[in-house]
């Protein structure tokens, strides 16, 4: 027979601040594909786009951000991959 496991205590919950859409907070009308400083914030160091769950963007602005990043990549403002 296996020895019974000691009862584990519930872990204290850590308060995690809810992420918010920075574009909604700043009341941005559209996301400019030429604004590379803003777009780089939403890319990983390898050049991949970050998910909306990670950045906290709402669905509408995540779609616009994706389009802006793709446009900037097509005209060589942003790299497709980082080495």
N, C-alpha and C. Protein backbone atom coordinates (compact mmCIF):
# COMPACT_ATOMS: atom_id res chain seq x y z
N UNK A 1 0.83 -1.18 0.00
CA UNK A 1 0.00 0.00 0.00
C UNK A 1 0.87 1.24 0.00
N UNK A 2 0.36 2.25 -0.64
CA UNK A 2 1.06 3.52 -0.70
C UNK A 2 0.76 4.33 0.56
N UNK A 3 1.75 5.04 1.03
CA UNK A 3 1.45 5.90 2.18
C UNK A 3 0.58 7.06 1.74
N UNK A 4 -0.30 7.46 2.60
CA UNK A 4 -1.21 8.55 2.24
C UNK A 4 -0.44 9.87 2.16
N UNK A 5 -0.83 10.69 1.22
CA UNK A 5 -0.16 11.98 1.03
C UNK A 5 -0.64 12.96 2.09
N UNK A 6 0.26 13.77 2.58
CA UNK A 6 -0.21 14.79 3.53
C UNK A 6 -1.08 15.81 2.79
N UNK A 7 -2.06 16.29 3.47
CA UNK A 7 -2.95 17.27 2.83
C UNK A 7 -2.17 18.57 2.60
N UNK A 8 -2.28 19.06 1.40
CA UNK A 8 -1.56 20.29 1.08
C UNK A 8 -2.44 21.49 1.36
N UNK A 9 -1.82 22.54 1.80
CA UNK A 9 -2.55 23.77 2.08
C UNK A 9 -2.78 24.52 0.78
N UNK A 10 -3.91 25.19 0.66
CA UNK A 10 -4.12 25.98 -0.57
C UNK A 10 -3.12 27.13 -0.64
N UNK A 11 -2.62 27.36 -1.84
CA UNK A 11 -1.66 28.43 -2.04
C UNK A 11 -2.36 29.78 -1.95
N UNK A 12 -1.69 30.75 -1.36
CA UNK A 12 -2.30 32.09 -1.35
C UNK A 12 -2.33 32.65 -2.77
N UNK A 13 -3.45 33.26 -3.12
CA UNK A 13 -3.58 33.80 -4.48
C UNK A 13 -2.84 35.12 -4.59
N UNK A 14 -2.09 35.23 -5.67
CA UNK A 14 -1.42 36.50 -5.94
C UNK A 14 -2.32 37.38 -6.76
N UNK A 15 -2.37 38.64 -6.41
CA UNK A 15 -3.20 39.58 -7.16
C UNK A 15 -2.49 39.94 -8.46
N UNK A 16 -3.13 39.67 -9.57
CA UNK A 16 -2.56 40.01 -10.87
C UNK A 16 -3.37 41.15 -11.48
N UNK A 17 -2.68 42.22 -11.79
CA UNK A 17 -3.36 43.37 -12.35
C UNK A 17 -3.89 43.05 -13.74
N UNK A 18 -5.11 43.43 -14.01
CA UNK A 18 -5.72 43.17 -15.31
C UNK A 18 -5.04 44.02 -16.37
N UNK A 19 -4.70 43.39 -17.49
CA UNK A 19 -4.08 44.11 -18.59
C UNK A 19 -5.15 44.92 -19.31
N UNK A 20 -4.74 46.03 -19.88
CA UNK A 20 -5.70 46.87 -20.57
C UNK A 20 -5.12 47.24 -21.93
N UNK A 21 -5.99 47.60 -22.83
CA UNK A 21 -5.59 47.98 -24.19
C UNK A 21 -5.06 49.42 -24.15
N UNK A 22 -3.80 49.59 -24.47
CA UNK A 22 -3.20 50.92 -24.44
C UNK A 22 -3.77 51.81 -25.53
N UNK A 23 -4.19 51.21 -26.63
CA UNK A 23 -4.76 52.00 -27.73
C UNK A 23 -6.14 52.55 -27.34
N UNK A 24 -6.92 51.77 -26.62
CA UNK A 24 -8.22 52.25 -26.16
C UNK A 24 -8.03 53.33 -25.09
N UNK A 25 -7.07 53.12 -24.21
CA UNK A 25 -6.84 54.09 -23.14
C UNK A 25 -6.38 55.44 -23.69
N UNK A 26 -5.56 55.40 -24.75
CA UNK A 26 -5.06 56.64 -25.36
C UNK A 26 -6.01 57.19 -26.42
N UNK A 27 -7.11 56.47 -26.68
CA UNK A 27 -8.10 56.85 -27.70
C UNK A 27 -7.45 57.05 -29.07
N UNK A 28 -6.68 56.04 -29.50
CA UNK A 28 -6.00 56.09 -30.80
C UNK A 28 -7.01 55.77 -31.89
N UNK A 29 -7.05 56.60 -32.93
CA UNK A 29 -7.99 56.37 -34.03
C UNK A 29 -7.54 55.22 -34.91
N UNK A 30 -6.27 55.22 -35.30
CA UNK A 30 -5.75 54.13 -36.11
C UNK A 30 -4.29 53.90 -35.74
N UNK A 31 -3.80 52.71 -36.04
CA UNK A 31 -2.42 52.36 -35.73
C UNK A 31 -1.60 52.56 -36.99
N UNK A 32 -0.63 53.45 -36.92
CA UNK A 32 0.17 53.81 -38.08
C UNK A 32 1.30 52.80 -38.29
N UNK A 33 1.38 52.24 -39.49
CA UNK A 33 2.41 51.25 -39.77
C UNK A 33 3.80 51.88 -39.87
N UNK A 34 3.87 53.21 -39.98
CA UNK A 34 5.17 53.88 -40.08
C UNK A 34 5.75 54.20 -38.70
N UNK A 35 4.96 54.03 -37.67
CA UNK A 35 5.42 54.30 -36.31
C UNK A 35 6.09 53.04 -35.74
N UNK A 36 7.37 52.90 -36.05
CA UNK A 36 8.09 51.66 -35.74
C UNK A 36 8.32 51.50 -34.24
N UNK A 37 8.50 52.62 -33.53
CA UNK A 37 8.74 52.52 -32.09
C UNK A 37 7.58 51.84 -31.38
N UNK A 38 6.37 52.16 -31.80
CA UNK A 38 5.19 51.54 -31.18
C UNK A 38 5.10 50.07 -31.58
N UNK A 39 5.33 49.80 -32.86
CA UNK A 39 5.19 48.42 -33.34
C UNK A 39 6.23 47.48 -32.74
N UNK A 40 7.43 47.97 -32.53
CA UNK A 40 8.49 47.11 -31.95
C UNK A 40 8.14 46.63 -30.55
N UNK A 41 7.34 47.40 -29.85
CA UNK A 41 6.93 47.01 -28.49
C UNK A 41 6.10 45.73 -28.52
N UNK A 42 5.45 45.45 -29.63
CA UNK A 42 4.57 44.29 -29.74
C UNK A 42 5.21 43.13 -30.48
N UNK A 43 6.52 43.16 -30.65
CA UNK A 43 7.27 42.07 -31.26
C UNK A 43 8.20 41.46 -30.22
N UNK A 44 8.45 40.16 -30.34
CA UNK A 44 9.43 39.52 -29.46
C UNK A 44 10.83 39.84 -29.98
N UNK A 45 11.83 39.44 -29.22
CA UNK A 45 13.21 39.68 -29.67
C UNK A 45 13.55 38.86 -30.90
N UNK A 46 12.77 37.83 -31.18
CA UNK A 46 12.97 37.02 -32.39
C UNK A 46 12.21 37.57 -33.58
N UNK A 47 11.37 38.57 -33.37
CA UNK A 47 10.64 39.19 -34.46
C UNK A 47 9.21 38.69 -34.62
N UNK A 48 8.75 37.85 -33.70
CA UNK A 48 7.38 37.35 -33.78
C UNK A 48 6.42 38.33 -33.14
N UNK A 49 5.18 38.33 -33.64
CA UNK A 49 4.15 39.18 -33.05
C UNK A 49 3.67 38.55 -31.74
N UNK A 50 3.46 39.38 -30.75
CA UNK A 50 2.97 38.89 -29.46
C UNK A 50 1.44 38.76 -29.52
N UNK A 51 0.92 37.77 -28.82
CA UNK A 51 -0.52 37.53 -28.80
C UNK A 51 -1.23 38.61 -27.99
N UNK A 52 -2.49 38.78 -28.26
CA UNK A 52 -3.28 39.76 -27.53
C UNK A 52 -3.39 39.43 -26.05
N UNK A 53 -3.32 38.14 -25.71
CA UNK A 53 -3.34 37.74 -24.31
C UNK A 53 -2.12 38.27 -23.57
N UNK A 54 -0.99 38.34 -24.27
CA UNK A 54 0.25 38.79 -23.64
C UNK A 54 0.28 40.31 -23.54
N UNK A 55 -0.21 41.00 -24.56
CA UNK A 55 -0.10 42.45 -24.61
C UNK A 55 -1.26 43.14 -23.93
N UNK A 56 -2.41 42.46 -23.85
CA UNK A 56 -3.59 43.07 -23.25
C UNK A 56 -4.43 43.88 -24.21
N UNK A 57 -4.13 43.81 -25.50
CA UNK A 57 -4.91 44.56 -26.49
C UNK A 57 -6.29 43.95 -26.66
N UNK A 58 -7.25 44.81 -26.98
CA UNK A 58 -8.58 44.31 -27.30
C UNK A 58 -8.52 43.70 -28.71
N UNK A 59 -9.55 42.96 -29.08
CA UNK A 59 -9.54 42.24 -30.35
C UNK A 59 -9.45 43.19 -31.54
N UNK A 60 -10.16 44.30 -31.47
CA UNK A 60 -10.16 45.26 -32.58
C UNK A 60 -8.76 45.82 -32.81
N UNK A 61 -8.12 46.26 -31.75
CA UNK A 61 -6.79 46.85 -31.91
C UNK A 61 -5.72 45.80 -32.17
N UNK A 62 -5.92 44.57 -31.72
CA UNK A 62 -4.96 43.51 -32.04
C UNK A 62 -5.00 43.22 -33.54
N UNK A 63 -6.19 43.25 -34.15
CA UNK A 63 -6.28 43.04 -35.60
C UNK A 63 -5.61 44.18 -36.35
N UNK A 64 -5.85 45.42 -35.92
CA UNK A 64 -5.22 46.57 -36.57
C UNK A 64 -3.70 46.54 -36.40
N UNK A 65 -3.25 46.14 -35.22
CA UNK A 65 -1.82 46.04 -34.95
C UNK A 65 -1.17 44.99 -35.85
N UNK A 66 -1.84 43.86 -36.03
CA UNK A 66 -1.33 42.81 -36.90
C UNK A 66 -1.18 43.31 -38.33
N UNK A 67 -2.19 44.02 -38.83
CA UNK A 67 -2.13 44.58 -40.18
C UNK A 67 -0.99 45.59 -40.31
N UNK A 68 -0.82 46.43 -39.30
CA UNK A 68 0.24 47.44 -39.34
C UNK A 68 1.62 46.79 -39.35
N UNK A 69 1.81 45.75 -38.56
CA UNK A 69 3.10 45.05 -38.52
C UNK A 69 3.37 44.38 -39.87
N UNK A 70 2.36 43.76 -40.45
CA UNK A 70 2.53 43.10 -41.75
C UNK A 70 2.86 44.11 -42.84
N UNK A 71 2.21 45.27 -42.82
CA UNK A 71 2.51 46.31 -43.81
C UNK A 71 3.93 46.82 -43.63
N UNK A 72 4.34 47.06 -42.39
CA UNK A 72 5.69 47.55 -42.13
C UNK A 72 6.74 46.52 -42.55
N UNK A 73 6.45 45.26 -42.41
CA UNK A 73 7.38 44.21 -42.85
C UNK A 73 7.49 44.20 -44.38
N UNK A 74 6.35 44.36 -45.05
CA UNK A 74 6.35 44.30 -46.52
C UNK A 74 7.15 45.42 -47.16
N UNK A 75 7.18 46.59 -46.53
CA UNK A 75 7.97 47.68 -47.12
C UNK A 75 9.30 47.86 -46.39
N UNK A 76 9.71 46.81 -45.68
CA UNK A 76 11.04 46.70 -45.06
C UNK A 76 11.30 47.73 -43.96
N UNK A 77 10.27 48.15 -43.27
CA UNK A 77 10.47 48.97 -42.08
C UNK A 77 10.78 48.11 -40.86
N UNK A 78 10.21 46.90 -40.84
CA UNK A 78 10.47 45.93 -39.79
C UNK A 78 10.98 44.65 -40.42
N UNK A 79 11.87 43.93 -39.74
CA UNK A 79 12.35 42.65 -40.28
C UNK A 79 11.31 41.54 -40.05
N UNK A 80 11.36 40.55 -40.93
CA UNK A 80 10.49 39.40 -40.74
C UNK A 80 10.97 38.54 -39.58
N UNK A 81 12.30 38.38 -39.47
CA UNK A 81 12.87 37.63 -38.36
C UNK A 81 14.11 38.36 -37.86
N UNK A 82 14.43 38.16 -36.59
CA UNK A 82 15.66 38.70 -36.01
C UNK A 82 16.59 37.53 -35.77
N UNK A 83 17.85 37.75 -36.02
CA UNK A 83 18.81 36.65 -35.81
C UNK A 83 19.50 36.79 -34.49
